[in-house]
């Protein structure tokens, strides 16, 4: 069966006309003959439901093993900013920085997963996320060689969405707990 890729997330009302629609990590796929009528781009702000689904799809893509940068990259605007900014050098963009971090997490913690206590749309353009990351340190993570240690730490992300892309993320992670857990036994 042919699949049509939507370039934009469309409204729930439009999606309801399809008989079989599912979310993939970076796009929506329709699997009906009605899909050609759903190619119209919608230029309104994403609804709270769409922003929540976008965040869930992003985390799903970020946790694919092996890591697939192209599946994650589509969620970020080219001018994406991370707050606080990571210090990766003057020629590294916010988007490149977050993609590098996600790759390192995937390589360092191949079984890494986030569980979500909260994914909550806020206001017109934000999504608040409270998560716990768990995994086993069986690969290199930045300068930390594999220890085999289990890790668990919490984090908060506040994504800002514009034109169905993340334009920024204000985030806090309990890195002191992570670093303590990475110490060799």
C-alpha atoms as a PDB file:
ATOM      1  CA  UNK A   1       0.000   0.000   0.000  1.00  0.00           C
ATOM      2  CA  UNK A   2       1.330   3.452  -0.840  1.00  0.00           C
ATOM      3  CA  UNK A   3       2.131   5.841   1.982  1.00  0.00           C
ATOM      4  CA  UNK A   4       1.947   9.622   1.854  1.00  0.00           C
ATOM      5  CA  UNK A   5       4.219  11.689   4.060  1.00  0.00           C
ATOM      6  CA  UNK A   6       2.759  14.823   5.564  1.00  0.00           C
ATOM      7  CA  UNK A   7       5.164  17.746   5.632  1.00  0.00           C
ATOM      8  CA  UNK A   8       3.206  19.396   8.443  1.00  0.00           C
ATOM      9  CA  UNK A   9       1.199  18.059  11.319  1.00  0.00           C
ATOM     10  CA  UNK A  10      -2.431  18.586  10.370  1.00  0.00           C
ATOM     11  CA  UNK A  11      -5.429  19.173  12.562  1.00  0.00           C
ATOM     12  CA  UNK A  12      -7.103  16.364  14.461  1.00  0.00           C
ATOM     13  CA  UNK A  13     -10.296  16.983  12.521  1.00  0.00           C
ATOM     14  CA  UNK A  14      -8.503  16.352   9.238  1.00  0.00           C
ATOM     15  CA  UNK A  15      -6.823  13.246  10.622  1.00  0.00           C
ATOM     16  CA  UNK A  16     -10.145  11.885  11.805  1.00  0.00           C
ATOM     17  CA  UNK A  17     -11.175  11.427   8.147  1.00  0.00           C
ATOM     18  CA  UNK A  18      -8.480   8.811   7.585  1.00  0.00           C
ATOM     19  CA  UNK A  19      -9.422   5.246   8.382  1.00  0.00           C
ATOM     20  CA  UNK A  20      -5.929   4.297   9.576  1.00  0.00           C
ATOM     21  CA  UNK A  21      -3.446   6.891  10.797  1.00  0.00           C
ATOM     22  CA  UNK A  22      -0.418   6.343  13.000  1.00  0.00           C
ATOM     23  CA  UNK A  23       2.442   8.437  14.313  1.00  0.00           C
ATOM     24  CA  UNK A  24       5.955   7.529  13.243  1.00  0.00           C
ATOM     25  CA  UNK A  25       8.901   9.164  14.983  1.00  0.00           C
ATOM     26  CA  UNK A  26       9.177  12.125  12.638  1.00  0.00           C
ATOM     27  CA  UNK A  27       6.177  12.179  10.318  1.00  0.00           C
ATOM     28  CA  UNK A  28       2.542  11.253  10.096  1.00  0.00           C
ATOM     29  CA  UNK A  29       1.597   8.525   7.651  1.00  0.00           C
ATOM     30  CA  UNK A  30      -1.876   7.990   6.219  1.00  0.00           C
ATOM     31  CA  UNK A  31      -2.773   4.607   4.790  1.00  0.00           C
ATOM     32  CA  UNK A  32      -6.013   5.244   2.951  1.00  0.00           C
ATOM     33  CA  UNK A  33      -7.152   6.413  -0.456  1.00  0.00           C
ATOM     34  CA  UNK A  34      -8.325   9.612   1.213  1.00  0.00           C
ATOM     35  CA  UNK A  35      -4.724  10.629   1.874  1.00  0.00           C
ATOM     36  CA  UNK A  36      -4.478  12.821  -1.230  1.00  0.00           C
ATOM     37  CA  UNK A  37      -7.172  15.122   0.167  1.00  0.00           C
ATOM     38  CA  UNK A  38      -5.108  15.639   3.314  1.00  0.00           C
ATOM     39  CA  UNK A  39      -2.025  17.225   1.741  1.00  0.00           C
ATOM     40  CA  UNK A  40      -3.125  20.793   2.447  1.00  0.00           C
ATOM     41  CA  UNK A  41      -0.777  22.570   4.785  1.00  0.00           C
ATOM     42  CA  UNK A  42      -2.344  24.101   7.853  1.00  0.00           C
ATOM     43  CA  UNK A  43      -0.798  27.406   8.893  1.00  0.00           C
ATOM     44  CA  UNK A  44      -2.266  27.663  12.366  1.00  0.00           C
ATOM     45  CA  UNK A  45      -0.405  27.138  15.620  1.00  0.00           C
ATOM     46  CA  UNK A  46      -0.221  23.492  16.633  1.00  0.00           C
ATOM     47  CA  UNK A  47      -2.868  22.504  19.130  1.00  0.00           C
ATOM     48  CA  UNK A  48      -1.962  21.311  22.612  1.00  0.00           C
ATOM     49  CA  UNK A  49      -2.677  17.747  21.475  1.00  0.00           C
ATOM     50  CA  UNK A  50      -0.337  18.094  18.473  1.00  0.00           C
ATOM     51  CA  UNK A  51       2.441  19.574  20.595  1.00  0.00           C
ATOM     52  CA  UNK A  52       2.122  16.714  23.090  1.00  0.00           C
ATOM     53  CA  UNK A  53       2.190  14.101  20.304  1.00  0.00           C
ATOM     54  CA  UNK A  54       5.170  15.818  18.708  1.00  0.00           C
ATOM     55  CA  UNK A  55       7.124  15.616  21.979  1.00  0.00           C
ATOM     56  CA  UNK A  56       6.186  11.955  22.459  1.00  0.00           C
ATOM     57  CA  UNK A  57       7.263  11.168  18.880  1.00  0.00           C
ATOM     58  CA  UNK A  58      10.523  13.036  19.414  1.00  0.00           C
ATOM     59  CA  UNK A  59      11.426  10.979  22.490  1.00  0.00           C
ATOM     60  CA  UNK A  60      10.438   7.814  20.649  1.00  0.00           C
ATOM     61  CA  UNK A  61      12.846   8.729  17.835  1.00  0.00           C
ATOM     62  CA  UNK A  62      15.597   9.747  20.278  1.00  0.00           C
ATOM     63  CA  UNK A  63      15.443   6.322  21.946  1.00  0.00           C
ATOM     64  CA  UNK A  64      15.632   4.232  18.770  1.00  0.00           C
ATOM     65  CA  UNK A  65      18.509   1.775  18.792  1.00  0.00           C
ATOM     66  CA  UNK A  66      20.679   2.121  16.924  1.00  0.00           C
ATOM     67  CA  UNK A  67      20.491   5.918  17.138  1.00  0.00           C
ATOM     68  CA  UNK A  68      19.173   7.468  13.934  1.00  0.00           C
ATOM     69  CA  UNK A  69      20.117  11.140  13.798  1.00  0.00           C
ATOM     70  CA  UNK A  70      18.020  11.854  10.708  1.00  0.00           C
ATOM     71  CA  UNK A  71      14.877  10.643  12.529  1.00  0.00           C
ATOM     72  CA  UNK A  72      15.584  13.038  15.422  1.00  0.00           C
ATOM     73  CA  UNK A  73      16.922  15.972  13.436  1.00  0.00           C
ATOM     74  CA  UNK A  74      13.569  16.703  11.767  1.00  0.00           C
ATOM     75  CA  UNK A  75      12.086  17.860  15.071  1.00  0.00           C
ATOM     76  CA  UNK A  76      14.493  20.804  15.436  1.00  0.00           C
ATOM     77  CA  UNK A  77      14.438  24.194  13.757  1.00  0.00           C
ATOM     78  CA  UNK A  78      17.777  25.156  12.190  1.00  0.00           C
ATOM     79  CA  UNK A  79      18.047  28.022  14.719  1.00  0.00           C
ATOM     80  CA  UNK A  80      17.104  25.878  17.740  1.00  0.00           C
ATOM     81  CA  UNK A  81      18.488  27.100  21.064  1.00  0.00           C
ATOM     82  CA  UNK A  82      19.140  25.122  24.220  1.00  0.00           C
ATOM     83  CA  UNK A  83      18.986  26.831  27.630  1.00  0.00           C
ATOM     84  CA  UNK A  84      21.309  26.749  29.372  1.00  0.00           C
ATOM     85  CA  UNK A  85      23.456  26.546  26.246  1.00  0.00           C
ATOM     86  CA  UNK A  86      25.947  23.675  26.059  1.00  0.00           C
ATOM     87  CA  UNK A  87      29.526  24.825  25.596  1.00  0.00           C
ATOM     88  CA  UNK A  88      30.615  22.935  22.472  1.00  0.00           C
ATOM     89  CA  UNK A  89      32.535  25.674  20.704  1.00  0.00           C
ATOM     90  CA  UNK A  90      31.565  28.729  18.684  1.00  0.00           C
ATOM     91  CA  UNK A  91      30.856  26.851  15.445  1.00  0.00           C
ATOM     92  CA  UNK A  92      28.473  24.288  16.962  1.00  0.00           C
ATOM     93  CA  UNK A  93      24.780  25.155  16.637  1.00  0.00           C
ATOM     94  CA  UNK A  94      22.192  24.403  19.296  1.00  0.00           C
ATOM     95  CA  UNK A  95      20.733  21.757  16.994  1.00  0.00           C
ATOM     96  CA  UNK A  96      24.121  20.083  16.419  1.00  0.00           C
ATOM     97  CA  UNK A  97      24.776  20.181  20.159  1.00  0.00           C
ATOM     98  CA  UNK A  98      21.541  18.396  21.110  1.00  0.00           C
ATOM     99  CA  UNK A  99      22.025  15.800  18.361  1.00  0.00           C
ATOM    100  CA  UNK A 100      25.519  15.101  19.694  1.00  0.00           C
ATOM    101  CA  UNK A 101      24.185  14.723  23.235  1.00  0.00           C
ATOM    102  CA  UNK A 102      21.481  12.289  22.113  1.00  0.00           C
ATOM    103  CA  UNK A 103      24.023  10.234  20.158  1.00  0.00           C
ATOM    104  CA  UNK A 104      26.291  10.056  23.212  1.00  0.00           C
ATOM    105  CA  UNK A 105      23.367   9.001  25.428  1.00  0.00           C
ATOM    106  CA  UNK A 106      22.440   6.273  22.943  1.00  0.00           C
ATOM    107  CA  UNK A 107      26.010   4.995  22.678  1.00  0.00           C
ATOM    108  CA  UNK A 108      26.705   5.197  26.427  1.00  0.00           C
ATOM    109  CA  UNK A 109      23.365   3.730  27.498  1.00  0.00           C
ATOM    110  CA  UNK A 110      22.109   1.454  24.684  1.00  0.00           C
ATOM    111  CA  UNK A 111      19.186   0.331  26.860  1.00  0.00           C
ATOM    112  CA  UNK A 112      18.413   3.921  27.928  1.00  0.00           C
ATOM    113  CA  UNK A 113      14.747   4.853  28.293  1.00  0.00           C
ATOM    114  CA  UNK A 114      12.777   7.749  29.657  1.00  0.00           C
ATOM    115  CA  UNK A 115       9.657   7.257  31.708  1.00  0.00           C
ATOM    116  CA  UNK A 116       7.360  10.223  31.914  1.00  0.00           C
ATOM    117  CA  UNK A 117       5.709  11.567  35.022  1.00  0.00           C
ATOM    118  CA  UNK A 118       4.346  14.478  32.976  1.00  0.00           C
ATOM    119  CA  UNK A 119       4.039  15.674  29.393  1.00  0.00           C
ATOM    120  CA  UNK A 120       1.860  18.763  29.603  1.00  0.00           C
ATOM    121  CA  UNK A 121       1.180  21.391  26.925  1.00  0.00           C
ATOM    122  CA  UNK A 122       1.458  24.874  28.428  1.00  0.00           C
ATOM    123  CA  UNK A 123       0.150  28.074  26.887  1.00  0.00           C
ATOM    124  CA  UNK A 124       0.080  28.480  23.118  1.00  0.00           C
ATOM    125  CA  UNK A 125       3.481  27.072  22.191  1.00  0.00           C
ATOM    126  CA  UNK A 126       5.161  25.137  25.011  1.00  0.00           C
ATOM    127  CA  UNK A 127       5.267  21.587  26.370  1.00  0.00           C
ATOM    128  CA  UNK A 128       6.495  20.781  29.891  1.00  0.00           C
ATOM    129  CA  UNK A 129       8.094  17.354  30.365  1.00  0.00           C
ATOM    130  CA  UNK A 130       9.195  15.689  33.616  1.00  0.00           C
ATOM    131  CA  UNK A 131      11.049  12.428  33.045  1.00  0.00           C
ATOM    132  CA  UNK A 132      13.267   9.819  34.624  1.00  0.00           C
ATOM    133  CA  UNK A 133      16.069   8.438  32.462  1.00  0.00           C
ATOM    134  CA  UNK A 134      17.281   4.918  33.254  1.00  0.00           C
ATOM    135  CA  UNK A 135      19.926   2.824  31.560  1.00  0.00           C
ATOM    136  CA  UNK A 136      23.065   0.737  31.883  1.00  0.00           C
ATOM    137  CA  UNK A 137      26.424   2.373  31.159  1.00  0.00           C
ATOM    138  CA  UNK A 138      27.805  -0.221  28.722  1.00  0.00           C
ATOM    139  CA  UNK A 139      29.276   2.169  26.139  1.00  0.00           C
ATOM    140  CA  UNK A 140      31.437   5.265  26.140  1.00  0.00           C
ATOM    141  CA  UNK A 141      29.563   8.393  27.292  1.00  0.00           C
ATOM    142  CA  UNK A 142      31.579  11.491  26.392  1.00  0.00           C
ATOM    143  CA  UNK A 143      34.840  10.958  28.315  1.00  0.00           C
ATOM    144  CA  UNK A 144      33.437   8.276  30.642  1.00  0.00           C
ATOM    145  CA  UNK A 145      34.451   4.720  29.709  1.00  0.00           C
ATOM    146  CA  UNK A 146      31.814   1.993  30.225  1.00  0.00           C
ATOM    147  CA  UNK A 147      31.334   0.950  33.854  1.00  0.00           C
ATOM    148  CA  UNK A 148      28.388  -1.437  33.612  1.00  0.00           C
ATOM    149  CA  UNK A 149      26.650   0.699  36.246  1.00  0.00           C
ATOM    150  CA  UNK A 150      22.896   1.204  36.216  1.00  0.00           C
ATOM    151  CA  UNK A 151      21.911   4.869  36.201  1.00  0.00           C
ATOM    152  CA  UNK A 152      18.730   6.747  36.950  1.00  0.00           C
ATOM    153  CA  UNK A 153      18.282  10.511  36.980  1.00  0.00           C
ATOM    154  CA  UNK A 154      15.439  12.975  36.552  1.00  0.00           C
ATOM    155  CA  UNK A 155      15.075  15.872  34.167  1.00  0.00           C
ATOM    156  CA  UNK A 156      12.712  18.606  33.073  1.00  0.00           C
ATOM    157  CA  UNK A 157      12.333  19.902  29.513  1.00  0.00           C
ATOM    158  CA  UNK A 158      10.269  22.921  28.465  1.00  0.00           C
ATOM    159  CA  UNK A 159      10.057  22.857  24.676  1.00  0.00           C
ATOM    160  CA  UNK A 160       8.869  25.829  22.617  1.00  0.00           C
ATOM    161  CA  UNK A 161       7.225  24.813  19.334  1.00  0.00           C
ATOM    162  CA  UNK A 162       6.851  26.992  16.242  1.00  0.00           C
ATOM    163  CA  UNK A 163       5.880  25.789  12.756  1.00  0.00           C
ATOM    164  CA  UNK A 164       5.937  22.189  14.046  1.00  0.00           C
ATOM    165  CA  UNK A 165       9.598  22.399  15.072  1.00  0.00           C
ATOM    166  CA  UNK A 166      11.324  22.844  18.407  1.00  0.00           C
ATOM    167  CA  UNK A 167      12.796  26.344  18.478  1.00  0.00           C
ATOM    168  CA  UNK A 168      14.086  26.104  22.049  1.00  0.00           C
ATOM    169  CA  UNK A 169      14.297  23.933  25.127  1.00  0.00           C
ATOM    170  CA  UNK A 170      14.841  25.111  28.679  1.00  0.00           C
ATOM    171  CA  UNK A 171      16.055  22.057  30.545  1.00  0.00           C
ATOM    172  CA  UNK A 172      17.442  20.859  33.863  1.00  0.00           C
ATOM    173  CA  UNK A 173      18.858  17.406  34.549  1.00  0.00           C
ATOM    174  CA  UNK A 174      20.122  15.958  37.807  1.00  0.00           C
ATOM    175  CA  UNK A 175      23.648  15.581  36.414  1.00  0.00           C
ATOM    176  CA  UNK A 176      25.275  15.316  39.843  1.00  0.00           C
ATOM    177  CA  UNK A 177      23.318  12.086  40.405  1.00  0.00           C
ATOM    178  CA  UNK A 178      24.299  10.808  36.948  1.00  0.00           C
ATOM    179  CA  UNK A 179      27.989  11.584  37.466  1.00  0.00           C
ATOM    180  CA  UNK A 180      27.984   9.938  40.905  1.00  0.00           C
ATOM    181  CA  UNK A 181      26.460   6.799  39.358  1.00  0.00           C
ATOM    182  CA  UNK A 182      29.112   6.740  36.607  1.00  0.00           C
ATOM    183  CA  UNK A 183      31.929   6.344  39.100  1.00  0.00           C
ATOM    184  CA  UNK A 184      33.504   2.914  38.744  1.00  0.00           C
ATOM    185  CA  UNK A 185      32.708   0.341  41.401  1.00  0.00           C
END
